[in-house]
Amino acid sequence: MKLKYLIFLTFILSLLLISGCGEEEVIFTNSTLEINGNTINIEIANESAQWMQGLSNREELCYNCGMLFVFENTKVYDFWMKDTYISLDIIYIDESGMIVNIVQAEPCIEETCEGELCEELVCEEFSSNFPVKYVLEVNKGYTEELGIAKWDKIIIS
């Protein structure tokens, strides 16, 4: 009888341990910022887990929405689009809030493999080219449509 109880207890404890091993959901803080009188609803990524998650695995981004990456250090940053399904404008912003570069980026999604034939996915990197403190990602074409350009300033609420 004790053996059955011990086996049952071990099974229950194993289930509890396994259920706690899943990936934690990454939660972003919401805010707004302004560029040239245009208000953008943003999610703020200001820590490592948020930086790595970014907009990966999302299938859409609302029109006036974006993600603002806030880094601890001002330096040249490279971004890539691995597992990002949305075409984006990547806006690089210096410590003073001035836009120093804007690039348009297309998704980089792994292709399905046929049998044993798989090639390693190589995603293009998009550089800030200048030291930046912030990076804002919005839908591709948004900056052109609203006339947002290099040297414009952002105001974070």
C-alpha atoms as a PDB file:
ATOM      1  CA  MET A   1       0.000   0.000   0.000  1.00  0.00           C
ATOM      2  CA  LYS A   2       2.818   2.416   0.860  1.00  0.00           C
ATOM      3  CA  LEU A   3       4.500   1.668  -2.476  1.00  0.00           C
ATOM      4  CA  LYS A   4       1.349   2.590  -4.432  1.00  0.00           C
ATOM      5  CA  TYR A   5       1.025   5.801  -2.431  1.00  0.00           C
ATOM      6  CA  LEU A   6       4.691   6.653  -3.012  1.00  0.00           C
ATOM      7  CA  ILE A   7       4.395   6.015  -6.767  1.00  0.00           C
ATOM      8  CA  PHE A   8       1.243   8.142  -6.947  1.00  0.00           C
ATOM      9  CA  LEU A   9       2.876  10.977  -4.985  1.00  0.00           C
ATOM     10  CA  THR A  10       5.975  10.850  -7.216  1.00  0.00           C
ATOM     11  CA  PHE A  11       3.754  11.019 -10.308  1.00  0.00           C
ATOM     12  CA  ILE A  12       1.855  14.073  -8.994  1.00  0.00           C
ATOM     13  CA  LEU A  13       5.089  15.875  -8.048  1.00  0.00           C
ATOM     14  CA  SER A  14       6.530  15.142 -11.487  1.00  0.00           C
ATOM     15  CA  LEU A  15       3.464  16.651 -13.162  1.00  0.00           C
ATOM     16  CA  LEU A  16       3.747  19.767 -11.017  1.00  0.00           C
ATOM     17  CA  LEU A  17       7.420  20.187 -11.886  1.00  0.00           C
ATOM     18  CA  ILE A  18       6.823  19.686 -15.601  1.00  0.00           C
ATOM     19  CA  SER A  19       3.937  22.173 -15.671  1.00  0.00           C
ATOM     20  CA  GLY A  20       6.182  24.836 -14.124  1.00  0.00           C
ATOM     21  CA  CYS A  21       8.921  24.412 -16.736  1.00  0.00           C
ATOM     22  CA  GLY A  22       7.200  26.227 -19.600  1.00  0.00           C
ATOM     23  CA  GLU A  23       8.457  29.518 -20.966  1.00  0.00           C
ATOM     24  CA  GLU A  24       7.293  32.549 -19.057  1.00  0.00           C
ATOM     25  CA  GLU A  25       5.181  35.022 -20.974  1.00  0.00           C
ATOM     26  CA  VAL A  26       7.031  38.232 -21.747  1.00  0.00           C
ATOM     27  CA  ILE A  27       4.993  41.254 -20.669  1.00  0.00           C
ATOM     28  CA  PHE A  28       5.554  44.749 -22.064  1.00  0.00           C
ATOM     29  CA  THR A  29       4.658  48.127 -20.552  1.00  0.00           C
ATOM     30  CA  ASN A  30       2.397  50.331 -22.703  1.00  0.00           C
ATOM     31  CA  SER A  31       2.904  54.035 -23.312  1.00  0.00           C
ATOM     32  CA  THR A  32       2.764  56.592 -26.119  1.00  0.00           C
ATOM     33  CA  LEU A  33       5.275  58.699 -27.986  1.00  0.00           C
ATOM     34  CA  GLU A  34       4.968  61.571 -30.392  1.00  0.00           C
ATOM     35  CA  ILE A  35       6.769  62.262 -33.659  1.00  0.00           C
ATOM     36  CA  ASN A  36       5.843  65.372 -35.677  1.00  0.00           C
ATOM     37  CA  GLY A  37       2.459  65.627 -33.957  1.00  0.00           C
ATOM     38  CA  ASN A  38       1.644  61.938 -34.578  1.00  0.00           C
ATOM     39  CA  THR A  39       0.881  59.870 -31.479  1.00  0.00           C
ATOM     40  CA  ILE A  40       2.050  56.258 -31.558  1.00  0.00           C
ATOM     41  CA  ASN A  41       0.901  53.642 -29.032  1.00  0.00           C
ATOM     42  CA  ILE A  42       3.982  51.705 -27.998  1.00  0.00           C
ATOM     43  CA  GLU A  43       4.982  48.644 -26.079  1.00  0.00           C
ATOM     44  CA  ILE A  44       8.252  49.245 -24.252  1.00  0.00           C
ATOM     45  CA  ALA A  45      11.014  46.626 -24.327  1.00  0.00           C
ATOM     46  CA  ASN A  46      13.619  47.634 -21.760  1.00  0.00           C
ATOM     47  CA  GLU A  47      15.082  44.360 -20.531  1.00  0.00           C
ATOM     48  CA  SER A  48      16.824  41.369 -22.060  1.00  0.00           C
ATOM     49  CA  ALA A  49      13.848  38.973 -22.336  1.00  0.00           C
ATOM     50  CA  GLN A  50      11.774  41.719 -23.956  1.00  0.00           C
ATOM     51  CA  TRP A  51      14.576  42.649 -26.381  1.00  0.00           C
ATOM     52  CA  MET A  52      14.864  39.019 -27.491  1.00  0.00           C
ATOM     53  CA  GLN A  53      11.094  38.582 -27.907  1.00  0.00           C
ATOM     54  CA  GLY A  54      10.396  41.899 -29.643  1.00  0.00           C
ATOM     55  CA  LEU A  55       7.703  41.532 -32.300  1.00  0.00           C
ATOM     56  CA  SER A  56       8.649  37.914 -33.052  1.00  0.00           C
ATOM     57  CA  ASN A  57       5.799  35.550 -33.887  1.00  0.00           C
ATOM     58  CA  ARG A  58       3.206  38.324 -34.237  1.00  0.00           C
ATOM     59  CA  GLU A  59       1.099  38.349 -37.351  1.00  0.00           C
ATOM     60  CA  GLU A  60      -0.065  41.955 -37.195  1.00  0.00           C
ATOM     61  CA  LEU A  61       0.600  45.320 -35.625  1.00  0.00           C
ATOM     62  CA  CYS A  62      -2.144  47.957 -35.390  1.00  0.00           C
ATOM     63  CA  TYR A  63      -1.781  51.081 -37.547  1.00  0.00           C
ATOM     64  CA  ASN A  64      -0.664  53.585 -34.875  1.00  0.00           C
ATOM     65  CA  CYS A  65       1.293  51.035 -32.858  1.00  0.00           C
ATOM     66  CA  GLY A  66       4.912  50.118 -32.412  1.00  0.00           C
ATOM     67  CA  MET A  67       7.524  48.696 -30.090  1.00  0.00           C
ATOM     68  CA  LEU A  68      10.160  50.905 -28.491  1.00  0.00           C
ATOM     69  CA  PHE A  69      13.389  49.204 -27.477  1.00  0.00           C
ATOM     70  CA  VAL A  70      15.138  51.119 -24.683  1.00  0.00           C
ATOM     71  CA  PHE A  71      18.755  50.095 -24.151  1.00  0.00           C
ATOM     72  CA  GLU A  72      21.031  50.604 -21.160  1.00  0.00           C
ATOM     73  CA  ASN A  73      23.963  51.694 -23.329  1.00  0.00           C
ATOM     74  CA  THR A  74      24.177  54.036 -26.283  1.00  0.00           C
ATOM     75  CA  LYS A  75      25.965  52.228 -29.115  1.00  0.00           C
ATOM     76  CA  VAL A  76      25.537  50.872 -32.649  1.00  0.00           C
ATOM     77  CA  TYR A  77      22.842  48.168 -32.641  1.00  0.00           C
ATOM     78  CA  ASP A  78      21.983  45.600 -35.292  1.00  0.00           C
ATOM     79  CA  PHE A  79      18.466  44.208 -35.620  1.00  0.00           C
ATOM     80  CA  TRP A  80      17.255  41.185 -37.545  1.00  0.00           C
ATOM     81  CA  MET A  81      13.830  39.854 -38.462  1.00  0.00           C
ATOM     82  CA  LYS A  82      14.064  36.185 -37.452  1.00  0.00           C
ATOM     83  CA  ASP A  83      10.569  34.791 -36.827  1.00  0.00           C
ATOM     84  CA  THR A  84       9.015  38.224 -37.408  1.00  0.00           C
ATOM     85  CA  TYR A  85       6.032  37.977 -39.749  1.00  0.00           C
ATOM     86  CA  ILE A  86       5.425  41.720 -40.179  1.00  0.00           C
ATOM     87  CA  SER A  87       7.320  43.980 -42.596  1.00  0.00           C
ATOM     88  CA  LEU A  88       8.662  46.855 -40.511  1.00  0.00           C
ATOM     89  CA  ASP A  89      10.213  50.290 -40.546  1.00  0.00           C
ATOM     90  CA  ILE A  90      13.020  50.239 -37.989  1.00  0.00           C
ATOM     91  CA  ILE A  91      13.663  53.722 -36.607  1.00  0.00           C
ATOM     92  CA  TYR A  92      16.986  54.279 -34.823  1.00  0.00           C
ATOM     93  CA  ILE A  93      16.956  57.096 -32.251  1.00  0.00           C
ATOM     94  CA  ASP A  94      19.897  58.645 -30.410  1.00  0.00           C
ATOM     95  CA  GLU A  95      20.072  59.547 -26.724  1.00  0.00           C
ATOM     96  CA  SER A  96      18.623  63.026 -27.348  1.00  0.00           C
ATOM     97  CA  GLY A  97      15.535  61.578 -29.090  1.00  0.00           C
ATOM     98  CA  MET A  98      16.670  62.412 -32.630  1.00  0.00           C
ATOM     99  CA  ILE A  99      16.073  59.903 -35.434  1.00  0.00           C
ATOM    100  CA  VAL A 100      19.459  59.012 -36.958  1.00  0.00           C
ATOM    101  CA  ASN A 101      18.450  56.202 -39.329  1.00  0.00           C
ATOM    102  CA  ILE A 102      15.352  54.493 -40.736  1.00  0.00           C
ATOM    103  CA  VAL A 103      15.431  51.160 -42.563  1.00  0.00           C
ATOM    104  CA  GLN A 104      12.706  49.013 -44.086  1.00  0.00           C
ATOM    105  CA  ALA A 105      12.939  45.367 -43.102  1.00  0.00           C
ATOM    106  CA  GLU A 106      11.237  42.266 -44.467  1.00  0.00           C
ATOM    107  CA  PRO A 107      10.434  39.110 -42.465  1.00  0.00           C
ATOM    108  CA  CYS A 108      12.993  36.318 -42.160  1.00  0.00           C
ATOM    109  CA  ILE A 109      11.103  33.092 -41.544  1.00  0.00           C
ATOM    110  CA  GLU A 110      12.465  29.559 -41.636  1.00  0.00           C
ATOM    111  CA  GLU A 111      11.443  27.577 -44.683  1.00  0.00           C
ATOM    112  CA  THR A 112      10.148  24.055 -44.252  1.00  0.00           C
ATOM    113  CA  CYS A 113      12.663  21.301 -44.872  1.00  0.00           C
ATOM    114  CA  GLU A 114      12.183  18.403 -47.243  1.00  0.00           C
ATOM    115  CA  GLY A 115      13.493  15.232 -45.664  1.00  0.00           C
ATOM    116  CA  GLU A 116      17.085  15.759 -44.610  1.00  0.00           C
ATOM    117  CA  LEU A 117      17.605  18.748 -46.912  1.00  0.00           C
ATOM    118  CA  CYS A 118      17.630  21.868 -44.768  1.00  0.00           C
ATOM    119  CA  GLU A 119      19.759  24.938 -45.049  1.00  0.00           C
ATOM    120  CA  GLU A 120      20.602  27.102 -42.084  1.00  0.00           C
ATOM    121  CA  LEU A 121      18.516  30.256 -42.162  1.00  0.00           C
ATOM    122  CA  VAL A 122      20.587  33.419 -42.539  1.00  0.00           C
ATOM    123  CA  CYS A 123      18.740  36.633 -41.736  1.00  0.00           C
ATOM    124  CA  GLU A 124      19.885  40.068 -42.869  1.00  0.00           C
ATOM    125  CA  GLU A 125      21.028  42.420 -40.113  1.00  0.00           C
ATOM    126  CA  PHE A 126      19.901  46.041 -40.121  1.00  0.00           C
ATOM    127  CA  SER A 127      22.409  48.394 -38.478  1.00  0.00           C
ATOM    128  CA  SER A 128      21.735  51.706 -36.802  1.00  0.00           C
ATOM    129  CA  ASN A 129      25.037  52.922 -38.336  1.00  0.00           C
ATOM    130  CA  PHE A 130      25.209  55.457 -35.481  1.00  0.00           C
ATOM    131  CA  PRO A 131      25.196  55.073 -31.692  1.00  0.00           C
ATOM    132  CA  VAL A 132      21.579  54.907 -30.466  1.00  0.00           C
ATOM    133  CA  LYS A 133      19.728  54.514 -27.181  1.00  0.00           C
ATOM    134  CA  TYR A 134      16.297  53.675 -28.642  1.00  0.00           C
ATOM    135  CA  VAL A 135      14.891  51.697 -31.550  1.00  0.00           C
ATOM    136  CA  LEU A 136      11.261  52.001 -32.646  1.00  0.00           C
ATOM    137  CA  GLU A 137       9.609  49.373 -34.849  1.00  0.00           C
ATOM    138  CA  VAL A 138       6.418  50.285 -36.725  1.00  0.00           C
ATOM    139  CA  ASN A 139       4.601  48.893 -39.757  1.00  0.00           C
ATOM    140  CA  LYS A 140       6.523  49.200 -43.021  1.00  0.00           C
ATOM    141  CA  GLY A 141       5.609  52.372 -44.877  1.00  0.00           C
ATOM    142  CA  TYR A 142       4.326  54.158 -41.758  1.00  0.00           C
ATOM    143  CA  THR A 143       7.254  56.605 -41.639  1.00  0.00           C
ATOM    144  CA  GLU A 144       6.921  57.519 -45.313  1.00  0.00           C
ATOM    145  CA  GLU A 145       3.146  57.903 -45.067  1.00  0.00           C
ATOM    146  CA  LEU A 146       3.421  60.308 -42.122  1.00  0.00           C
ATOM    147  CA  GLY A 147       6.533  62.117 -43.351  1.00  0.00           C
ATOM    148  CA  ILE A 148       8.710  60.866 -40.487  1.00  0.00           C
ATOM    149  CA  ALA A 149      12.370  61.258 -41.447  1.00  0.00           C
ATOM    150  CA  LYS A 150      15.957  61.400 -40.205  1.00  0.00           C
ATOM    151  CA  TRP A 151      16.646  64.236 -37.781  1.00  0.00           C
ATOM    152  CA  ASP A 152      13.025  64.349 -36.532  1.00  0.00           C
ATOM    153  CA  LYS A 153      12.668  64.260 -32.733  1.00  0.00           C
ATOM    154  CA  ILE A 154      10.529  61.913 -30.663  1.00  0.00           C
ATOM    155  CA  ILE A 155       8.807  62.757 -27.401  1.00  0.00           C
ATOM    156  CA  ILE A 156       8.150  59.813 -25.072  1.00  0.00           C
ATOM    157  CA  SER A 157       5.154  60.241 -22.733  1.00  0.00           C
END
